[in-house]
Amino acid sequence: MEALAKAKFLHISPRKARLVADAIRGLKVGEALNKLKFTPKKAAGLFIKVVNSAVANASQRPGVDVDKLVIKKAYVDEGPTQKRWRPRAMGRAFIIRKRSSHITVVVAER
C-alpha cells in the first residue's frame, strides 16, 4: 500500500532540492530521516516534513506497518518562477529568477 505527501510552492530551486531527493530515494524511512537530519542543506529540512507527512498518511490506513515503510519515490518538480529586475550598466536590466519547487514523496511497504 502506498501513501503520498506533497509540499508545493517551496522557495528553493529544484536543482538544489533534487540533490537531497536523490540521496534518500529507496531508503527505509528511519534511515532516510536520520540521513536528512545530518544533511547540511536547506532542502533536507523540507524533506523531513514531507517524509513525516507521508508516514502519517500511511499510518491512517489499516494493516500498514510503519516500521517497514520504504521511500519508493522522491522527486522535485519546478514550480512558478518569480521574475525580478536588477539595474545594470549603461541602462540595461538584468533578470533575476526566484525559482520555487513542488516536492513529492511516496512511501510503500517493502
PDB file of N, CA and C in Angstrom:
ATOM      1  N   MET A   1       0.838  -1.180   0.000  1.00  0.00           N
ATOM      2  CA  MET A   1       0.000   0.000   0.000  1.00  0.00           C
ATOM      3  C   MET A   1       0.885   1.246   0.000  1.00  0.00           C
ATOM      4  N   GLU A   2       0.540   2.190  -0.829  1.00  0.00           N
ATOM      5  CA  GLU A   2       1.333   3.414  -0.958  1.00  0.00           C
ATOM      6  C   GLU A   2       0.652   4.586  -0.267  1.00  0.00           C
ATOM      7  N   ALA A   3       1.454   5.524   0.180  1.00  0.00           N
ATOM      8  CA  ALA A   3       0.956   6.783   0.735  1.00  0.00           C
ATOM      9  C   ALA A   3       1.800   7.906   0.157  1.00  0.00           C
ATOM     10  N   LEU A   4       1.153   9.034  -0.110  1.00  0.00           N
ATOM     11  CA  LEU A   4       1.800  10.131  -0.807  1.00  0.00           C
ATOM     12  C   LEU A   4       1.695  11.409   0.017  1.00  0.00           C
ATOM     13  N   ALA A   5       2.709  12.249  -0.080  1.00  0.00           N
ATOM     14  CA  ALA A   5       2.669  13.575   0.547  1.00  0.00           C
ATOM     15  C   ALA A   5       3.361  14.559  -0.378  1.00  0.00           C
ATOM     16  N   LYS A   6       2.802  15.774  -0.448  1.00  0.00           N
ATOM     17  CA  LYS A   6       3.358  16.814  -1.306  1.00  0.00           C
ATOM     18  C   LYS A   6       3.538  18.094  -0.513  1.00  0.00           C
ATOM     19  N   ALA A   7       4.570  18.831  -0.878  1.00  0.00           N
ATOM     20  CA  ALA A   7       4.754  20.199  -0.386  1.00  0.00           C
ATOM     21  C   ALA A   7       4.932  21.051  -1.631  1.00  0.00           C
ATOM     22  N   LYS A   8       4.084  22.074  -1.769  1.00  0.00           N
ATOM     23  CA  LYS A   8       4.082  22.860  -3.001  1.00  0.00           C
ATOM     24  C   LYS A   8       4.501  24.302  -2.736  1.00  0.00           C
ATOM     25  N   PHE A   9       5.020  24.921  -3.775  1.00  0.00           N
ATOM     26  CA  PHE A   9       5.404  26.336  -3.777  1.00  0.00           C
ATOM     27  C   PHE A   9       6.482  26.646  -2.736  1.00  0.00           C
ATOM     28  N   LEU A  10       7.463  25.760  -2.608  1.00  0.00           N
ATOM     29  CA  LEU A  10       8.559  25.977  -1.671  1.00  0.00           C
ATOM     30  C   LEU A  10       9.620  26.864  -2.312  1.00  0.00           C
ATOM     31  N   HIS A  11      10.181  27.778  -1.544  1.00  0.00           N
ATOM     32  CA  HIS A  11      11.142  28.734  -2.074  1.00  0.00           C
ATOM     33  C   HIS A  11      12.556  28.159  -2.044  1.00  0.00           C
ATOM     34  N   ILE A  12      12.781  27.199  -2.929  1.00  0.00           N
ATOM     35  CA  ILE A  12      14.104  26.630  -3.143  1.00  0.00           C
ATOM     36  C   ILE A  12      14.149  26.172  -4.593  1.00  0.00           C
ATOM     37  N   SER A  13      15.295  26.296  -5.204  1.00  0.00           N
ATOM     38  CA  SER A  13      15.379  25.925  -6.608  1.00  0.00           C
ATOM     39  C   SER A  13      15.310  24.397  -6.744  1.00  0.00           C
ATOM     40  N   PRO A  14      14.641  23.899  -7.771  1.00  0.00           N
ATOM     41  CA  PRO A  14      14.500  22.447  -7.942  1.00  0.00           C
ATOM     42  C   PRO A  14      15.834  21.734  -8.075  1.00  0.00           C
ATOM     43  N   ARG A  15      16.807  22.380  -8.682  1.00  0.00           N
ATOM     44  CA  ARG A  15      18.113  21.752  -8.869  1.00  0.00           C
ATOM     45  C   ARG A  15      18.775  21.454  -7.532  1.00  0.00           C
ATOM     46  N   LYS A  16      18.651  22.379  -6.577  1.00  0.00           N
ATOM     47  CA  LYS A  16      19.235  22.170  -5.257  1.00  0.00           C
ATOM     48  C   LYS A  16      18.469  21.110  -4.475  1.00  0.00           C
ATOM     49  N   ALA A  17      17.148  21.083  -4.621  1.00  0.00           N
ATOM     50  CA  ALA A  17      16.337  20.119  -3.881  1.00  0.00           C
ATOM     51  C   ALA A  17      16.511  18.703  -4.418  1.00  0.00           C
ATOM     52  N   ARG A  18      16.782  18.571  -5.708  1.00  0.00           N
ATOM     53  CA  ARG A  18      16.944  17.228  -6.298  1.00  0.00           C
ATOM     54  C   ARG A  18      18.177  16.514  -5.761  1.00  0.00           C
ATOM     55  N   LEU A  19      19.181  17.256  -5.322  1.00  0.00           N
ATOM     56  CA  LEU A  19      20.359  16.625  -4.720  1.00  0.00           C
ATOM     57  C   LEU A  19      19.972  15.827  -3.481  1.00  0.00           C
ATOM     58  N   VAL A  20      19.075  16.379  -2.676  1.00  0.00           N
ATOM     59  CA  VAL A  20      18.631  15.705  -1.456  1.00  0.00           C
ATOM     60  C   VAL A  20      17.688  14.558  -1.805  1.00  0.00           C
ATOM     61  N   ALA A  21      16.817  14.754  -2.802  1.00  0.00           N
ATOM     62  CA  ALA A  21      15.884  13.700  -3.204  1.00  0.00           C
ATOM     63  C   ALA A  21      16.633  12.459  -3.674  1.00  0.00           C
ATOM     64  N   ASP A  22      17.705  12.662  -4.429  1.00  0.00           N
ATOM     65  CA  ASP A  22      18.489  11.524  -4.915  1.00  0.00           C
ATOM     66  C   ASP A  22      19.164  10.770  -3.776  1.00  0.00           C
ATOM     67  N   ALA A  23      19.468  11.471  -2.692  1.00  0.00           N
ATOM     68  CA  ALA A  23      20.171  10.837  -1.571  1.00  0.00           C
ATOM     69  C   ALA A  23      19.271   9.919  -0.754  1.00  0.00           C
ATOM     70  N   ILE A  24      17.954  10.178  -0.734  1.00  0.00           N
ATOM     71  CA  ILE A  24      17.076   9.383   0.139  1.00  0.00           C
ATOM     72  C   ILE A  24      16.201   8.391  -0.607  1.00  0.00           C
ATOM     73  N   ARG A  25      16.175   8.465  -1.924  1.00  0.00           N
ATOM     74  CA  ARG A  25      15.303   7.579  -2.696  1.00  0.00           C
ATOM     75  C   ARG A  25      15.703   6.120  -2.499  1.00  0.00           C
ATOM     76  N   GLY A  26      14.730   5.265  -2.144  1.00  0.00           N
ATOM     77  CA  GLY A  26      14.974   3.837  -1.968  1.00  0.00           C
ATOM     78  C   GLY A  26      15.359   3.420  -0.562  1.00  0.00           C
ATOM     79  N   LEU A  27      15.559   4.356   0.353  1.00  0.00           N
ATOM     80  CA  LEU A  27      15.952   4.021   1.720  1.00  0.00           C
ATOM     81  C   LEU A  27      14.731   3.717   2.580  1.00  0.00           C
ATOM     82  N   LYS A  28      14.962   3.004   3.683  1.00  0.00           N
ATOM     83  CA  LYS A  28      13.914   2.849   4.689  1.00  0.00           C
ATOM     84  C   LYS A  28      13.649   4.211   5.318  1.00  0.00           C
ATOM     85  N   VAL A  29      12.441   4.402   5.819  1.00  0.00           N
ATOM     86  CA  VAL A  29      12.045   5.713   6.330  1.00  0.00           C
ATOM     87  C   VAL A  29      12.932   6.145   7.498  1.00  0.00           C
ATOM     88  N   GLY A  30      13.245   5.241   8.416  1.00  0.00           N
ATOM     89  CA  GLY A  30      14.093   5.578   9.552  1.00  0.00           C
ATOM     90  C   GLY A  30      15.486   6.012   9.119  1.00  0.00           C
ATOM     91  N   GLU A  31      16.056   5.262   8.166  1.00  0.00           N
ATOM     92  CA  GLU A  31      17.390   5.615   7.659  1.00  0.00           C
ATOM     93  C   GLU A  31      17.359   6.958   6.935  1.00  0.00           C
ATOM     94  N   ALA A  32      16.304   7.184   6.170  1.00  0.00           N
ATOM     95  CA  ALA A  32      16.194   8.428   5.411  1.00  0.00           C
ATOM     96  C   ALA A  32      16.081   9.625   6.349  1.00  0.00           C
ATOM     97  N   LEU A  33      15.268   9.520   7.385  1.00  0.00           N
ATOM     98  CA  LEU A  33      15.121  10.629   8.332  1.00  0.00           C
ATOM     99  C   LEU A  33      16.434  10.901   9.064  1.00  0.00           C
ATOM    100  N   ASN A  34      17.155   9.835   9.404  1.00  0.00           N
ATOM    101  CA  ASN A  34      18.448  10.001  10.069  1.00  0.00           C
ATOM    102  C   ASN A  34      19.448  10.686   9.134  1.00  0.00           C
ATOM    103  N   LYS A  35      19.461  10.286   7.878  1.00  0.00           N
ATOM    104  CA  LYS A  35      20.360  10.899   6.911  1.00  0.00           C
ATOM    105  C   LYS A  35      20.002  12.366   6.681  1.00  0.00           C
ATOM    106  N   LEU A  36      18.703  12.657   6.606  1.00  0.00           N
ATOM    107  CA  LEU A  36      18.266  14.038   6.389  1.00  0.00           C
ATOM    108  C   LEU A  36      18.616  14.938   7.575  1.00  0.00           C
ATOM    109  N   LYS A  37      18.555  14.365   8.780  1.00  0.00           N
ATOM    110  CA  LYS A  37      18.842  15.156   9.975  1.00  0.00           C
ATOM    111  C   LYS A  37      20.270  15.705   9.960  1.00  0.00           C
ATOM    112  N   PHE A  38      21.197  14.966   9.347  1.00  0.00           N
ATOM    113  CA  PHE A  38      22.592  15.375   9.343  1.00  0.00           C
ATOM    114  C   PHE A  38      23.058  15.889   7.979  1.00  0.00           C
ATOM    115  N   THR A  39      22.124  16.189   7.098  1.00  0.00           N
ATOM    116  CA  THR A  39      22.474  16.758   5.801  1.00  0.00           C
ATOM    117  C   THR A  39      22.430  18.278   5.896  1.00  0.00           C
ATOM    118  N   PRO A  40      23.545  18.964   5.628  1.00  0.00           N
ATOM    119  CA  PRO A  40      23.597  20.418   5.827  1.00  0.00           C
ATOM    120  C   PRO A  40      23.062  21.205   4.629  1.00  0.00           C
ATOM    121  N   LYS A  41      21.827  20.945   4.240  1.00  0.00           N
ATOM    122  CA  LYS A  41      21.202  21.671   3.141  1.00  0.00           C
ATOM    123  C   LYS A  41      19.807  22.114   3.563  1.00  0.00           C
ATOM    124  N   LYS A  42      19.350  23.225   2.997  1.00  0.00           N
ATOM    125  CA  LYS A  42      18.018  23.739   3.309  1.00  0.00           C
ATOM    126  C   LYS A  42      16.938  22.732   2.916  1.00  0.00           C
ATOM    127  N   ALA A  43      17.136  22.048   1.787  1.00  0.00           N
ATOM    128  CA  ALA A  43      16.146  21.102   1.297  1.00  0.00           C
ATOM    129  C   ALA A  43      15.952  19.919   2.247  1.00  0.00           C
ATOM    130  N   ALA A  44      16.956  19.599   3.040  1.00  0.00           N
ATOM    131  CA  ALA A  44      16.847  18.466   3.965  1.00  0.00           C
ATOM    132  C   ALA A  44      15.742  18.714   4.986  1.00  0.00           C
ATOM    133  N   GLY A  45      15.653  19.918   5.516  1.00  0.00           N
ATOM    134  CA  GLY A  45      14.591  20.239   6.467  1.00  0.00           C
ATOM    135  C   GLY A  45      13.222  20.166   5.833  1.00  0.00           C
ATOM    136  N   LEU A  46      13.116  20.566   4.575  1.00  0.00           N
ATOM    137  CA  LEU A  46      11.838  20.493   3.868  1.00  0.00           C
ATOM    138  C   LEU A  46      11.448  19.032   3.626  1.00  0.00           C
ATOM    139  N   PHE A  47      12.429  18.212   3.269  1.00  0.00           N
ATOM    140  CA  PHE A  47      12.148  16.791   3.026  1.00  0.00           C
ATOM    141  C   PHE A  47      11.762  16.067   4.311  1.00  0.00           C
ATOM    142  N   ILE A  48      12.306  16.459   5.455  1.00  0.00           N
ATOM    143  CA  ILE A  48      11.922  15.841   6.731  1.00  0.00           C
ATOM    144  C   ILE A  48      10.429  16.016   6.956  1.00  0.00           C
ATOM    145  N   LYS A  49       9.924  17.218   6.713  1.00  0.00           N
ATOM    146  CA  LYS A  49       8.495  17.484   6.901  1.00  0.00           C
ATOM    147  C   LYS A  49       7.638  16.649   5.965  1.00  0.00           C
ATOM    148  N   VAL A  50       8.059  16.536   4.701  1.00  0.00           N
ATOM    149  CA  VAL A  50       7.261  15.808   3.723  1.00  0.00           C
ATOM    150  C   VAL A  50       7.289  14.304   4.014  1.00  0.00           C
ATOM    151  N   VAL A  51       8.444  13.771   4.399  1.00  0.00           N
ATOM    152  CA  VAL A  51       8.534  12.339   4.726  1.00  0.00           C
ATOM    153  C   VAL A  51       7.680  12.016   5.957  1.00  0.00           C
ATOM    154  N   ASN A  52       7.745  12.870   6.981  1.00  0.00           N
ATOM    155  CA  ASN A  52       6.900  12.647   8.163  1.00  0.00           C
ATOM    156  C   ASN A  52       5.424  12.702   7.812  1.00  0.00           C
ATOM    157  N   SER A  53       5.041  13.581   6.914  1.00  0.00           N
ATOM    158  CA  SER A  53       3.652  13.665   6.476  1.00  0.00           C
ATOM    159  C   SER A  53       3.234  12.401   5.723  1.00  0.00           C
ATOM    160  N   ALA A  54       4.108  11.887   4.872  1.00  0.00           N
ATOM    161  CA  ALA A  54       3.801  10.658   4.134  1.00  0.00           C
ATOM    162  C   ALA A  54       3.658   9.467   5.079  1.00  0.00           C
ATOM    163  N   VAL A  55       4.499   9.405   6.106  1.00  0.00           N
ATOM    164  CA  VAL A  55       4.402   8.324   7.103  1.00  0.00           C
ATOM    165  C   VAL A  55       3.087   8.439   7.874  1.00  0.00           C
ATOM    166  N   ALA A  56       2.694   9.663   8.226  1.00  0.00           N
ATOM    167  CA  ALA A  56       1.426   9.859   8.932  1.00  0.00           C
ATOM    168  C   ALA A  56       0.249   9.466   8.043  1.00  0.00           C
ATOM    169  N   ASN A  57       0.336   9.775   6.754  1.00  0.00           N
ATOM    170  CA  ASN A  57      -0.726   9.376   5.825  1.00  0.00           C
ATOM    171  C   ASN A  57      -0.806   7.856   5.714  1.00  0.00           C
ATOM    172  N   ALA A  58       0.347   7.194   5.703  1.00  0.00           N
ATOM    173  CA  ALA A  58       0.358   5.732   5.604  1.00  0.00           C
ATOM    174  C   ALA A  58      -0.181   5.088   6.872  1.00  0.00           C
ATOM    175  N   SER A  59       0.081   5.689   8.030  1.00  0.00           N
ATOM    176  CA  SER A  59      -0.361   5.084   9.284  1.00  0.00           C
ATOM    177  C   SER A  59      -1.879   5.134   9.452  1.00  0.00           C
ATOM    178  N   GLN A  60      -2.553   5.969   8.663  1.00  0.00           N
ATOM    179  CA  GLN A  60      -4.015   6.052   8.741  1.00  0.00           C
ATOM    180  C   GLN A  60      -4.702   4.875   8.059  1.00  0.00           C
ATOM    181  N   ARG A  61      -3.981   4.159   7.224  1.00  0.00           N
ATOM    182  CA  ARG A  61      -4.570   3.023   6.515  1.00  0.00           C
ATOM    183  C   ARG A  61      -4.467   1.763   7.376  1.00  0.00           C
ATOM    184  N   PRO A  62      -5.516   0.957   7.397  1.00  0.00           N
ATOM    185  CA  PRO A  62      -5.475  -0.254   8.227  1.00  0.00           C
ATOM    186  C   PRO A  62      -4.502  -1.293   7.670  1.00  0.00           C
ATOM    187  N   GLY A  63      -3.777  -1.943   8.572  1.00  0.00           N
ATOM    188  CA  GLY A  63      -2.883  -3.023   8.190  1.00  0.00           C
ATOM    189  C   GLY A  63      -1.530  -2.591   7.667  1.00  0.00           C
ATOM    190  N   VAL A  64      -1.162  -1.341   7.856  1.00  0.00           N
ATOM    191  CA  VAL A  64       0.139  -0.863   7.386  1.00  0.00           C
ATOM    192  C   VAL A  64       1.097  -0.810   8.566  1.00  0.00           C
ATOM    193  N   ASP A  65       2.256  -1.477   8.415  1.00  0.00           N
ATOM    194  CA  ASP A  65       3.291  -1.457   9.439  1.00  0.00           C
ATOM    195  C   ASP A  65       4.257  -0.307   9.129  1.00  0.00           C
ATOM    196  N   VAL A  66       4.284   0.689   9.998  1.00  0.00           N
ATOM    197  CA  VAL A  66       5.089   1.892   9.763  1.00  0.00           C
ATOM    198  C   VAL A  66       6.579   1.566   9.758  1.00  0.00           C
ATOM    199  N   ASP A  67       6.993   0.543  10.478  1.00  0.00           N
ATOM    200  CA  ASP A  67       8.416   0.198  10.566  1.00  0.00           C
ATOM    201  C   ASP A  67       8.954  -0.395   9.266  1.00  0.00           C
ATOM    202  N   LYS A  68       8.077  -0.872   8.389  1.00  0.00           N
ATOM    203  CA  LYS A  68       8.509  -1.496   7.141  1.00  0.00           C
ATOM    204  C   LYS A  68       8.394  -0.566   5.933  1.00  0.00           C
ATOM    205  N   LEU A  69       8.124   0.721   6.174  1.00  0.00           N
ATOM    206  CA  LEU A  69       7.939   1.649   5.066  1.00  0.00           C
ATOM    207  C   LEU A  69       9.278   2.021   4.421  1.00  0.00           C
ATOM    208  N   VAL A  70       9.243   2.139   3.103  1.00  0.00           N
ATOM    209  CA  VAL A  70      10.401   2.498   2.298  1.00  0.00           C
ATOM    210  C   VAL A  70      10.011   3.685   1.416  1.00  0.00           C
ATOM    211  N   ILE A  71      10.955   4.573   1.160  1.00  0.00           N
ATOM    212  CA  ILE A  71      10.685   5.688   0.257  1.00  0.00           C
ATOM    213  C   ILE A  71      10.762   5.157  -1.172  1.00  0.00           C
ATOM    214  N   LYS A  72       9.590   4.974  -1.769  1.00  0.00           N
ATOM    215  CA  LYS A  72       9.509   4.406  -3.106  1.00  0.00           C
ATOM    216  C   LYS A  72       9.866   5.452  -4.166  1.00  0.00           C
ATOM    217  N   LYS A  73       9.288   6.642  -4.026  1.00  0.00           N
ATOM    218  CA  LYS A  73       9.573   7.729  -4.966  1.00  0.00           C
ATOM    219  C   LYS A  73       9.825   9.002  -4.176  1.00  0.00           C
ATOM    220  N   ALA A  74      10.765   9.782  -4.636  1.00  0.00           N
ATOM    221  CA  ALA A  74      11.008  11.124  -4.097  1.00  0.00           C
ATOM    222  C   ALA A  74      11.473  11.971  -5.271  1.00  0.00           C
ATOM    223  N   TYR A  75      10.647  12.939  -5.639  1.00  0.00           N
ATOM    224  CA  TYR A  75      11.020  13.766  -6.782  1.00  0.00           C
ATOM    225  C   TYR A  75      10.613  15.212  -6.556  1.00  0.00           C
ATOM    226  N   VAL A  76      11.240  16.080  -7.340  1.00  0.00           N
ATOM    227  CA  VAL A  76      11.049  17.520  -7.214  1.00  0.00           C
ATOM    228  C   VAL A  76      10.651  18.067  -8.579  1.00  0.00           C
ATOM    229  N   ASP A  77       9.514  18.737  -8.628  1.00  0.00           N
ATOM    230  CA  ASP A  77       9.060  19.400  -9.847  1.00  0.00           C
ATOM    231  C   ASP A  77       9.252  20.904  -9.706  1.00  0.00           C
ATOM    232  N   GLU A  78       9.344  21.566 -10.842  1.00  0.00           N
ATOM    233  CA  GLU A  78       9.544  23.003 -10.832  1.00  0.00           C
ATOM    234  C   GLU A  78       8.213  23.715 -10.644  1.00  0.00           C
ATOM    235  N   GLY A  79       8.198  24.676  -9.728  1.00  0.00           N
ATOM    236  CA  GLY A  79       7.022  25.492  -9.503  1.00  0.00           C
ATOM    237  C   GLY A  79       7.126  26.790 -10.284  1.00  0.00           C
ATOM    238  N   PRO A  80       6.243  27.734 -10.002  1.00  0.00           N
ATOM    239  CA  PRO A  80       6.305  29.004 -10.714  1.00  0.00           C
ATOM    240  C   PRO A  80       7.560  29.800 -10.345  1.00  0.00           C
ATOM    241  N   THR A  81       8.045  30.568 -11.303  1.00  0.00           N
ATOM    242  CA  THR A  81       9.250  31.366 -11.113  1.00  0.00           C
ATOM    243  C   THR A  81       8.876  32.839 -11.031  1.00  0.00           C
ATOM    244  N   GLN A  82       9.317  33.502  -9.975  1.00  0.00           N
ATOM    245  CA  GLN A  82       9.129  34.941  -9.860  1.00  0.00           C
ATOM    246  C   GLN A  82      10.265  35.626 -10.611  1.00  0.00           C
ATOM    247  N   LYS A  83       9.929  36.661 -11.365  1.00  0.00           N
ATOM    248  CA  LYS A  83      10.951  37.371 -12.125  1.00  0.00           C
ATOM    249  C   LYS A  83      11.118  38.771 -11.548  1.00  0.00           C
ATOM    250  N   ARG A  84      12.349  39.117 -11.256  1.00  0.00           N
ATOM    251  CA  ARG A  84      12.680  40.434 -10.720  1.00  0.00           C
ATOM    252  C   ARG A  84      13.742  41.064 -11.617  1.00  0.00           C
ATOM    253  N   TRP A  85      13.803  42.384 -11.648  1.00  0.00           N
ATOM    254  CA  TRP A  85      14.752  43.095 -12.497  1.00  0.00           C
ATOM    255  C   TRP A  85      15.812  43.774 -11.658  1.00  0.00           C
ATOM    256  N   ARG A  86      17.030  43.748 -12.160  1.00  0.00           N
ATOM    257  CA  ARG A  86      18.170  44.355 -11.481  1.00  0.00           C
ATOM    258  C   ARG A  86      18.815  45.339 -12.460  1.00  0.00           C
ATOM    259  N   PRO A  87      18.997  46.574 -12.049  1.00  0.00           N
ATOM    260  CA  PRO A  87      19.644  47.522 -12.954  1.00  0.00           C
ATOM    261  C   PRO A  87      21.119  47.165 -13.160  1.00  0.00           C
ATOM    262  N   ARG A  88      21.574  47.325 -14.408  1.00  0.00           N
ATOM    263  CA  ARG A  88      22.958  47.041 -14.757  1.00  0.00           C
ATOM    264  C   ARG A  88      23.561  48.262 -15.458  1.00  0.00           C
ATOM    265  N   ALA A  89      24.763  48.127 -15.898  1.00  0.00           N
ATOM    266  CA  ALA A  89      25.483  49.251 -16.500  1.00  0.00           C
ATOM    267  C   ALA A  89      24.837  49.696 -17.814  1.00  0.00           C
ATOM    268  N   MET A  90      24.993  50.962 -18.124  1.00  0.00           N
ATOM    269  CA  MET A  90      24.542  51.574 -19.376  1.00  0.00           C
ATOM    270  C   MET A  90      23.041  51.428 -19.590  1.00  0.00           C
ATOM    271  N   GLY A  91      22.267  51.493 -18.522  1.00  0.00           N
ATOM    272  CA  GLY A  91      20.813  51.498 -18.636  1.00  0.00           C
ATOM    273  C   GLY A  91      20.178  50.159 -18.944  1.00  0.00           C
ATOM    274  N   ARG A  92      20.916  49.101 -18.856  1.00  0.00           N
ATOM    275  CA  ARG A  92      20.351  47.779 -19.134  1.00  0.00           C
ATOM    276  C   ARG A  92      19.678  47.217 -17.886  1.00  0.00           C
ATOM    277  N   ALA A  93      18.884  46.177 -18.087  1.00  0.00           N
ATOM    278  CA  ALA A  93      18.234  45.483 -16.970  1.00  0.00           C
ATOM    279  C   ALA A  93      18.637  44.013 -17.031  1.00  0.00           C
ATOM    280  N   PHE A  94      18.779  43.422 -15.871  1.00  0.00           N
ATOM    281  CA  PHE A  94      19.203  42.026 -15.751  1.00  0.00           C
ATOM    282  C   PHE A  94      18.119  41.287 -14.982  1.00  0.00           C
ATOM    283  N   ILE A  95      17.656  40.154 -15.504  1.00  0.00           N
ATOM    284  CA  ILE A  95      16.557  39.427 -14.859  1.00  0.00           C
ATOM    285  C   ILE A  95      17.105  38.503 -13.779  1.00  0.00           C
ATOM    286  N   ILE A  96      16.419  38.491 -12.652  1.00  0.00           N
ATOM    287  CA  ILE A  96      16.722  37.568 -11.560  1.00  0.00           C
ATOM    288  C   ILE A  96      15.534  36.632 -11.423  1.00  0.00           C
ATOM    289  N   ARG A  97      15.798  35.336 -11.488  1.00  0.00           N
ATOM    290  CA  ARG A  97      14.733  34.332 -11.390  1.00  0.00           C
ATOM    291  C   ARG A  97      14.728  33.744  -9.992  1.00  0.00           C
ATOM    292  N   LYS A  98      13.612  33.909  -9.288  1.00  0.00           N
ATOM    293  CA  LYS A  98      13.452  33.313  -7.962  1.00  0.00           C
ATOM    294  C   LYS A  98      12.592  32.069  -8.146  1.00  0.00           C
ATOM    295  N   ARG A  99      13.260  30.933  -8.168  1.00  0.00           N
ATOM    296  CA  ARG A  99      12.584  29.676  -8.507  1.00  0.00           C
ATOM    297  C   ARG A  99      11.903  29.061  -7.294  1.00  0.00           C
ATOM    298  N   SER A 100      10.877  28.231  -7.560  1.00  0.00           N
ATOM    299  CA  SER A 100      10.185  27.516  -6.494  1.00  0.00           C
ATOM    300  C   SER A 100      10.036  26.056  -6.910  1.00  0.00           C
ATOM    301  N   SER A 101       9.666  25.220  -5.940  1.00  0.00           N
ATOM    302  CA  SER A 101       9.637  23.775  -6.158  1.00  0.00           C
ATOM    303  C   SER A 101       8.376  23.152  -5.579  1.00  0.00           C
ATOM    304  N   HIS A 102       8.015  22.002  -6.134  1.00  0.00           N
ATOM    305  CA  HIS A 102       6.991  21.131  -5.567  1.00  0.00           C
ATOM    306  C   HIS A 102       7.698  19.808  -5.228  1.00  0.00           C
ATOM    307  N   ILE A 103       7.665  19.401  -3.958  1.00  0.00           N
ATOM    308  CA  ILE A 103       8.325  18.169  -3.517  1.00  0.00           C
ATOM    309  C   ILE A 103       7.256  17.099  -3.302  1.00  0.00           C
ATOM    310  N   THR A 104       7.481  15.909  -3.841  1.00  0.00           N
ATOM    311  CA  THR A 104       6.566  14.782  -3.695  1.00  0.00           C
ATOM    312  C   THR A 104       7.335  13.582  -3.156  1.00  0.00           C
ATOM    313  N   VAL A 105       6.771  12.927  -2.137  1.00  0.00           N
ATOM    314  CA  VAL A 105       7.370  11.721  -1.561  1.00  0.00           C
ATOM    315  C   VAL A 105       6.293  10.639  -1.498  1.00  0.00           C
ATOM    316  N   VAL A 106       6.621   9.454  -2.000  1.00  0.00           N
ATOM    317  CA  VAL A 106       5.716   8.301  -1.941  1.00  0.00           C
ATOM    318  C   VAL A 106       6.398   7.215  -1.110  1.00  0.00           C
ATOM    319  N   VAL A 107       5.706   6.742  -0.079  1.00  0.00           N
ATOM    320  CA  VAL A 107       6.238   5.647   0.741  1.00  0.00           C
ATOM    321  C   VAL A 107       5.370   4.415   0.524  1.00  0.00           C
ATOM    322  N   ALA A 108       5.986   3.253   0.604  1.00  0.00           N
ATOM    323  CA  ALA A 108       5.280   1.987   0.426  1.00  0.00           C
ATOM    324  C   ALA A 108       5.915   0.945   1.331  1.00  0.00           C
ATOM    325  N   GLU A 109       5.133  -0.111   1.609  1.00  0.00           N
ATOM    326  CA  GLU A 109       5.686  -1.224   2.402  1.00  0.00           C
ATOM    327  C   GLU A 109       6.571  -2.077   1.532  1.00  0.00           C
ATOM    328  N   ARG A 110       7.669  -2.545   2.106  1.00  0.00           N
ATOM    329  CA  ARG A 110       8.567  -3.407   1.343  1.00  0.00           C
ATOM    330  C   ARG A 110       8.009  -4.802   1.281  1.00  0.00           C
TER     331      ARG A 110
END
